[in-house]
Amino acid sequence: MIQDDTAAESAAERGAELSGGLDPVQLLTDTLTGMAAGFIERLPQIGLAILVLIITAIVSGLIGRAAGAGLEKARLRPALVTLFKNLTGIFVWVAGIAIAIVIVFPSVTPGQMVAALGLGSLAVGFAFKDVFENFLAGILILFRKEMRIGDFIECEDVLGKVESVTIRETHIRQPDGQLVIVPNAMLFTNPVWVRTDRKTRRAELVVGVDYDASLPAAADALNKALESCESISKSEGTEVKCIAFGGSSIDFKLLWWAGSSNKDQRASFDEVAFAVKRELDAADIGIPFPQVTLSQREPMALDTPDNLRKIEEG
């Protein structure tokens, strides 16, 4: 508690009286009387400080509504609008409380308050480092245009649809329906794959054909399969390329573009797989399964009596 010069003199007088052997009850009575007198003397200042706080509350509400209306016209995200409204209110309240403290305690200077706020903010910053890190990351994420509500993203081991973005955390709904609450710092400091940034996304399928099949005929059948699929974006184009001579097949890679959502990707893959099988069957081209061929350096005669006896004996 900060005391003015009068209070300091009263304390000195009480100390002198105590050293002279004053009765403790009388000392307590004098102390309470002095405090009551000091409180009564400060009543006008306290009343003015309360009035300042009431005005601060009114001004904070008016400025918050005005700032919110202006930011909504700028088509910012709702969470970002709420953030700016809260920050505006905090600044107004800090100014109002500082004025009220100066009114009640005239000996307090603005420099002392700034120093106290600096030390306090430093201590709070060390104590809540992770909270402030997520807070700042949330502000920066809210300014991003590339990651919107409803986008399907992948970050580290998290994969799902963005349901909401706040100033501290992001809610992501996984394909299996589970909700994952991710700290914003994780999304800001790690690579994020936004799979629905565009309306379409490329898909691929590797198909193997028999070694005795005609490669041009196989490529024509695979191209025909892609052309027959309605889920494929015709404007993006398709590709069918031979990529490898496998252990039991010649492999082709099919590339096409379909809707970027997971649902559209699954539906398109399913349609392409059915079309590929249908066209290859129509062209009498087989899709082989893995096979193993065994060879021997020297031919083995199986019709000699010794070999027949060994076979019978097992």
Protein backbone atom coordinates (compact mmCIF):
# COMPACT_ATOMS: atom_id res chain seq x y z
CA MET A 1 0.00 0.00 0.00
CA ILE A 2 1.34 3.39 -1.02
CA GLN A 3 1.10 6.05 1.75
CA ASP A 4 1.32 9.80 1.35
CA ASP A 5 3.43 12.09 3.52
CA THR A 6 0.70 12.51 6.17
CA ALA A 7 0.37 8.76 6.62
CA ALA A 8 4.16 8.43 6.92
CA GLU A 9 4.26 11.09 9.68
CA SER A 10 1.42 9.36 11.54
CA ALA A 11 3.30 6.06 11.37
CA ALA A 12 6.42 7.75 12.74
CA GLU A 13 4.43 9.26 15.62
CA ARG A 14 2.87 5.89 16.43
CA GLY A 15 6.32 4.31 16.43
CA ALA A 16 7.60 6.95 18.85
CA GLU A 17 4.63 6.43 21.14
CA LEU A 18 5.13 2.66 21.05
CA SER A 19 8.77 3.09 22.05
CA GLY A 20 7.61 5.20 24.96
CA GLY A 21 5.51 2.38 26.36
CA LEU A 22 2.04 3.19 24.93
CA ASP A 23 -0.76 0.74 25.68
CA PRO A 24 -1.16 -1.78 22.75
CA VAL A 25 -4.95 -1.35 22.79
CA GLN A 26 -4.58 2.39 22.47
CA LEU A 27 -2.07 1.88 19.64
CA LEU A 28 -4.52 -0.37 17.75
CA THR A 29 -7.31 2.13 18.28
CA ASP A 30 -5.19 4.98 16.95
CA THR A 31 -4.13 2.91 13.94
CA LEU A 32 -7.72 2.03 12.99
CA THR A 33 -8.78 5.62 13.53
CA GLY A 34 -6.00 6.85 11.26
CA MET A 35 -6.94 4.35 8.55
CA ALA A 36 -10.59 5.35 8.73
CA ALA A 37 -9.66 9.03 8.54
CA GLY A 38 -7.42 8.35 5.56
CA PHE A 39 -10.19 6.39 3.82
CA ILE A 40 -12.69 9.20 4.43
CA GLU A 41 -10.23 11.75 3.07
CA ARG A 42 -9.83 9.66 -0.09
CA LEU A 43 -13.57 9.10 -0.64
CA PRO A 44 -13.81 11.82 -3.32
CA GLN A 45 -10.85 10.34 -5.14
CA ILE A 46 -12.25 6.81 -4.87
CA GLY A 47 -15.62 8.01 -6.16
CA LEU A 48 -13.95 9.71 -9.12
CA ALA A 49 -11.95 6.52 -9.83
CA ILE A 50 -15.16 4.46 -9.81
CA LEU A 51 -16.73 6.94 -12.22
CA VAL A 52 -13.69 6.57 -14.49
CA LEU A 53 -14.12 2.77 -14.45
CA ILE A 54 -17.82 3.09 -15.34
CA ILE A 55 -16.95 5.39 -18.24
CA THR A 56 -14.24 2.92 -19.28
CA ALA A 57 -16.79 0.09 -19.42
CA ILE A 58 -19.13 2.18 -21.58
CA VAL A 59 -16.36 3.32 -23.92
CA SER A 60 -15.01 -0.23 -24.21
CA GLY A 61 -18.42 -1.52 -25.28
CA LEU A 62 -18.95 1.26 -27.82
CA ILE A 63 -15.49 0.92 -29.35
CA GLY A 64 -15.81 -2.88 -29.45
CA ARG A 65 -19.12 -2.74 -31.32
CA ALA A 66 -17.79 -0.12 -33.73
CA ALA A 67 -14.64 -2.12 -34.41
CA GLY A 68 -16.65 -5.30 -34.87
CA ALA A 69 -19.00 -3.68 -37.37
CA GLY A 70 -16.09 -2.27 -39.38
CA LEU A 71 -14.20 -5.58 -39.42
CA GLU A 72 -17.27 -7.57 -40.45
CA LYS A 73 -17.61 -5.35 -43.51
CA ALA A 74 -14.03 -6.29 -44.38
CA ARG A 75 -15.19 -9.95 -44.56
CA LEU A 76 -12.69 -11.20 -42.02
CA ARG A 77 -13.13 -14.52 -40.27
CA PRO A 78 -15.50 -14.40 -37.25
CA ALA A 79 -12.72 -15.59 -34.91
CA LEU A 80 -10.46 -12.78 -36.14
CA VAL A 81 -13.22 -10.19 -35.62
CA THR A 82 -13.74 -11.45 -32.07
CA LEU A 83 -9.99 -11.27 -31.43
CA PHE A 84 -9.74 -7.62 -32.50
CA LYS A 85 -12.79 -6.70 -30.44
CA ASN A 86 -11.28 -8.33 -27.35
CA LEU A 87 -7.89 -6.68 -27.88
CA THR A 88 -9.55 -3.27 -28.28
CA GLY A 89 -11.46 -3.81 -25.05
CA ILE A 90 -8.29 -4.84 -23.22
CA PHE A 91 -6.43 -1.69 -24.30
CA VAL A 92 -9.31 0.54 -23.21
CA TRP A 93 -9.55 -1.17 -19.83
CA VAL A 94 -5.78 -0.94 -19.23
CA ALA A 95 -5.91 2.81 -19.90
CA GLY A 96 -8.97 3.27 -17.67
CA ILE A 97 -7.51 1.30 -14.76
CA ALA A 98 -4.23 3.24 -15.02
CA ILE A 99 -6.11 6.55 -14.82
CA ALA A 100 -8.12 5.31 -11.82
CA ILE A 101 -4.93 4.26 -9.97
CA VAL A 102 -3.35 7.68 -10.54
CA ILE A 103 -6.49 9.38 -9.19
CA VAL A 104 -6.58 7.29 -6.00
CA PHE A 105 -2.80 7.31 -5.47
CA PRO A 106 -1.42 10.62 -6.80
CA SER A 107 2.13 9.65 -5.82
CA VAL A 108 2.14 6.89 -8.47
CA THR A 109 3.67 8.11 -11.73
CA PRO A 110 3.03 6.74 -15.22
CA GLY A 111 6.66 5.65 -15.37
CA GLN A 112 6.22 3.47 -12.30
CA MET A 113 3.13 1.85 -13.77
CA VAL A 114 4.88 1.14 -17.05
CA ALA A 115 7.79 -0.43 -15.17
CA ALA A 116 5.41 -2.57 -13.09
CA LEU A 117 3.55 -3.68 -16.23
CA GLY A 118 6.85 -4.54 -17.91
CA LEU A 119 8.03 -6.72 -15.04
CA GLY A 120 4.60 -8.32 -14.70
CA SER A 121 4.33 -9.09 -18.41
CA LEU A 122 7.83 -10.61 -18.38
CA ALA A 123 6.92 -12.93 -15.50
CA VAL A 124 3.61 -13.89 -17.10
CA GLY A 125 5.35 -14.47 -20.41
CA PHE A 126 7.76 -16.99 -18.88
CA ALA A 127 4.97 -18.70 -16.95
CA PHE A 128 2.62 -19.01 -19.94
CA LYS A 129 5.10 -19.39 -22.79
CA ASP A 130 3.16 -22.16 -24.54
CA VAL A 131 -0.14 -20.31 -24.18
CA PHE A 132 1.24 -17.15 -25.77
CA GLU A 133 2.96 -19.18 -28.50
CA ASN A 134 -0.35 -20.77 -29.47
CA PHE A 135 -2.06 -17.38 -29.21
CA LEU A 136 0.35 -15.69 -31.62
CA ALA A 137 0.28 -18.70 -33.96
CA GLY A 138 -3.52 -18.55 -33.94
CA ILE A 139 -3.49 -14.90 -34.98
CA LEU A 140 -1.16 -15.65 -37.90
CA ILE A 141 -3.21 -18.71 -38.94
CA LEU A 142 -6.40 -16.65 -38.92
CA PHE A 143 -4.78 -14.30 -41.45
CA ARG A 144 -4.02 -17.21 -43.79
CA LYS A 145 -6.16 -17.43 -46.89
CA GLU A 146 -4.95 -20.91 -47.85
CA MET A 147 -6.50 -22.80 -44.92
CA ARG A 148 -10.23 -22.21 -44.58
CA ILE A 149 -13.02 -23.75 -42.55
CA GLY A 150 -14.04 -26.96 -44.30
CA ASP A 151 -10.63 -27.65 -45.87
CA PHE A 152 -9.22 -31.15 -45.64
CA ILE A 153 -5.67 -30.95 -44.28
CA GLU A 154 -2.83 -33.17 -43.13
CA CYS A 155 -0.19 -32.19 -40.57
CA GLU A 156 2.16 -34.65 -38.92
CA ASP A 157 -0.10 -37.59 -37.94
CA VAL A 158 -3.32 -35.55 -38.03
CA LEU A 159 -5.59 -35.89 -41.06
CA GLY A 160 -9.07 -34.45 -41.34
CA LYS A 161 -11.47 -31.60 -42.03
CA VAL A 162 -11.03 -28.20 -40.38
CA GLU A 163 -14.15 -27.43 -38.35
CA SER A 164 -13.08 -24.30 -36.49
CA VAL A 165 -10.02 -22.12 -35.89
CA THR A 166 -9.68 -20.14 -32.65
CA ILE A 167 -6.85 -18.00 -31.36
CA ARG A 168 -5.45 -20.92 -29.33
CA GLU A 169 -6.42 -24.17 -31.06
CA THR A 170 -7.85 -25.71 -34.21
CA HIS A 171 -10.55 -28.39 -34.28
CA ILE A 172 -10.06 -31.09 -36.93
CA ARG A 173 -12.61 -33.81 -37.67
CA GLN A 174 -10.90 -37.03 -38.80
CA PRO A 175 -12.40 -39.27 -41.53
CA ASP A 176 -13.50 -41.79 -38.86
CA GLY A 177 -15.53 -39.08 -37.08
CA GLN A 178 -13.17 -38.42 -34.18
CA LEU A 179 -12.40 -34.81 -33.23
CA VAL A 180 -8.76 -33.79 -32.79
CA ILE A 181 -7.94 -30.51 -30.98
CA VAL A 182 -4.59 -29.33 -32.33
CA PRO A 183 -2.50 -26.50 -30.78
CA ASN A 184 -2.07 -23.70 -33.28
CA ALA A 185 1.70 -23.71 -32.79
CA MET A 186 1.81 -27.21 -34.32
CA LEU A 187 0.01 -26.05 -37.48
CA PHE A 188 2.22 -22.97 -37.73
CA THR A 189 5.63 -24.57 -37.23
CA ASN A 190 5.08 -27.75 -39.28
CA PRO A 191 4.26 -28.33 -42.96
CA VAL A 192 0.51 -28.48 -43.62
CA TRP A 193 -0.93 -30.22 -46.68
CA VAL A 194 -4.19 -28.52 -47.70
CA ARG A 195 -5.71 -31.17 -49.91
CA THR A 196 -8.78 -29.16 -50.83
CA ASP A 197 -6.99 -25.95 -51.77
CA ARG A 198 -8.13 -26.57 -55.36
CA LYS A 199 -11.41 -27.99 -56.62
CA THR A 200 -9.61 -30.95 -58.16
CA ARG A 201 -6.77 -33.19 -57.03
CA ARG A 202 -4.69 -35.67 -59.00
CA ALA A 203 -5.16 -39.39 -58.40
CA GLU A 204 -3.19 -42.35 -59.68
CA LEU A 205 -3.47 -46.10 -60.15
CA VAL A 206 -0.81 -48.63 -61.14
CA VAL A 207 -2.04 -51.49 -63.39
CA GLY A 208 0.01 -54.51 -64.48
CA VAL A 209 -0.64 -56.43 -67.72
CA ASP A 210 0.66 -59.76 -69.06
CA TYR A 211 4.08 -59.86 -70.67
CA ASP A 212 2.58 -61.43 -73.77
CA ALA A 213 0.07 -58.59 -74.18
CA SER A 214 0.43 -55.93 -76.87
CA LEU A 215 1.58 -52.76 -75.14
CA PRO A 216 -0.15 -50.37 -77.60
CA ALA A 217 -3.37 -52.35 -77.20
CA ALA A 218 -3.04 -52.25 -73.41
CA ALA A 219 -2.41 -48.50 -73.45
CA ASP A 220 -5.44 -47.95 -75.70
CA ALA A 221 -7.65 -50.00 -73.39
CA LEU A 222 -6.48 -48.06 -70.33
CA ASN A 223 -7.03 -44.70 -72.07
CA LYS A 224 -10.51 -45.84 -73.08
CA ALA A 225 -11.22 -46.77 -69.46
CA LEU A 226 -10.27 -43.28 -68.26
CA GLU A 227 -12.34 -41.61 -70.99
CA SER A 228 -15.43 -43.52 -69.89
CA CYS A 229 -15.33 -42.28 -66.28
CA GLU A 230 -17.65 -39.36 -65.47
CA SER A 231 -15.88 -38.46 -62.21
CA ILE A 232 -12.69 -37.47 -64.06
CA SER A 233 -12.13 -33.79 -64.89
CA LYS A 234 -11.86 -33.65 -68.68
CA SER A 235 -10.27 -30.18 -68.64
CA GLU A 236 -7.23 -31.35 -66.66
CA GLY A 237 -6.45 -34.28 -68.97
CA THR A 238 -5.31 -37.84 -68.25
CA GLU A 239 -2.09 -39.82 -68.66
CA VAL A 240 -1.28 -43.49 -69.22
CA LYS A 241 2.45 -44.26 -69.06
CA CYS A 242 4.47 -47.49 -68.93
CA ILE A 243 6.65 -47.22 -65.84
CA ALA A 244 8.27 -50.59 -65.13
CA PHE A 245 8.87 -54.19 -66.10
CA GLY A 246 7.79 -55.95 -62.94
CA GLY A 247 8.46 -59.45 -61.73
CA SER A 248 5.29 -60.83 -63.32
CA SER A 249 3.78 -57.91 -65.26
CA ILE A 250 4.44 -54.79 -67.29
CA ASP A 251 3.23 -51.88 -65.15
CA PHE A 252 1.32 -48.83 -66.37
CA LYS A 253 0.58 -45.75 -64.24
CA LEU A 254 -2.77 -44.01 -64.78
CA LEU A 255 -3.02 -40.32 -63.78
CA TRP A 256 -6.22 -38.30 -63.71
CA TRP A 257 -7.87 -35.38 -61.88
CA ALA A 258 -11.03 -35.62 -59.80
CA GLY A 259 -12.76 -33.75 -56.97
CA SER A 260 -10.36 -32.85 -54.17
CA SER A 261 -12.48 -34.06 -51.27
CA ASN A 262 -11.80 -37.53 -49.89
CA LYS A 263 -15.30 -38.67 -50.84
CA ASP A 264 -14.83 -37.60 -54.46
CA GLN A 265 -11.37 -39.21 -54.58
CA ARG A 266 -12.66 -42.55 -53.31
CA ALA A 267 -15.61 -42.52 -55.70
CA SER A 268 -13.38 -41.68 -58.67
CA PHE A 269 -10.83 -44.38 -57.79
CA ASP A 270 -13.61 -46.94 -57.54
CA GLU A 271 -15.04 -45.93 -60.91
CA VAL A 272 -11.63 -46.05 -62.62
CA ALA A 273 -10.79 -49.48 -61.17
CA PHE A 274 -14.06 -50.95 -62.48
CA ALA A 275 -13.54 -49.35 -65.90
CA VAL A 276 -9.96 -50.65 -66.18
CA LYS A 277 -11.00 -54.22 -65.44
CA ARG A 278 -13.89 -53.98 -67.89
CA GLU A 279 -11.77 -52.63 -70.78
CA LEU A 280 -8.89 -55.04 -70.25
CA ASP A 281 -11.29 -57.98 -70.22
CA ALA A 282 -12.88 -56.68 -73.44
CA ALA A 283 -9.41 -56.48 -75.04
CA ASP A 284 -8.54 -60.00 -73.77
CA ILE A 285 -5.61 -58.64 -71.76
CA GLY A 286 -4.93 -60.32 -68.44
CA ILE A 287 -3.91 -58.74 -65.16
CA PRO A 288 -1.38 -61.23 -63.80
CA PHE A 289 -0.76 -62.08 -60.19
CA PRO A 290 2.79 -62.52 -58.85
CA GLN A 291 4.45 -65.69 -60.20
CA VAL A 292 7.75 -67.43 -59.45
CA THR A 293 9.67 -69.42 -62.11
CA LEU A 294 12.11 -72.10 -60.91
CA SER A 295 14.98 -73.24 -63.16
CA GLN A 296 17.65 -75.99 -62.85
CA ARG A 297 21.13 -75.97 -64.36
CA GLU A 298 21.02 -79.61 -65.52
CA PRO A 299 17.92 -81.53 -66.66
CA MET A 300 16.75 -84.22 -64.24
CA ALA A 301 15.64 -87.54 -65.70
CA LEU A 302 12.59 -88.86 -63.91
CA ASP A 303 12.01 -92.09 -65.87
CA THR A 304 15.06 -94.08 -64.69
CA PRO A 305 14.45 -96.93 -62.22
CA ASP A 306 16.60 -95.31 -59.55
CA ASN A 307 14.79 -91.97 -59.80
CA LEU A 308 11.36 -93.66 -59.82
CA ARG A 309 12.30 -95.66 -56.73
CA LYS A 310 13.53 -92.50 -54.95
CA ILE A 311 10.28 -90.75 -55.79
CA GLU A 312 8.18 -93.66 -54.49
CA GLU A 313 10.23 -93.85 -51.31
CA GLY A 314 9.60 -90.17 -50.78
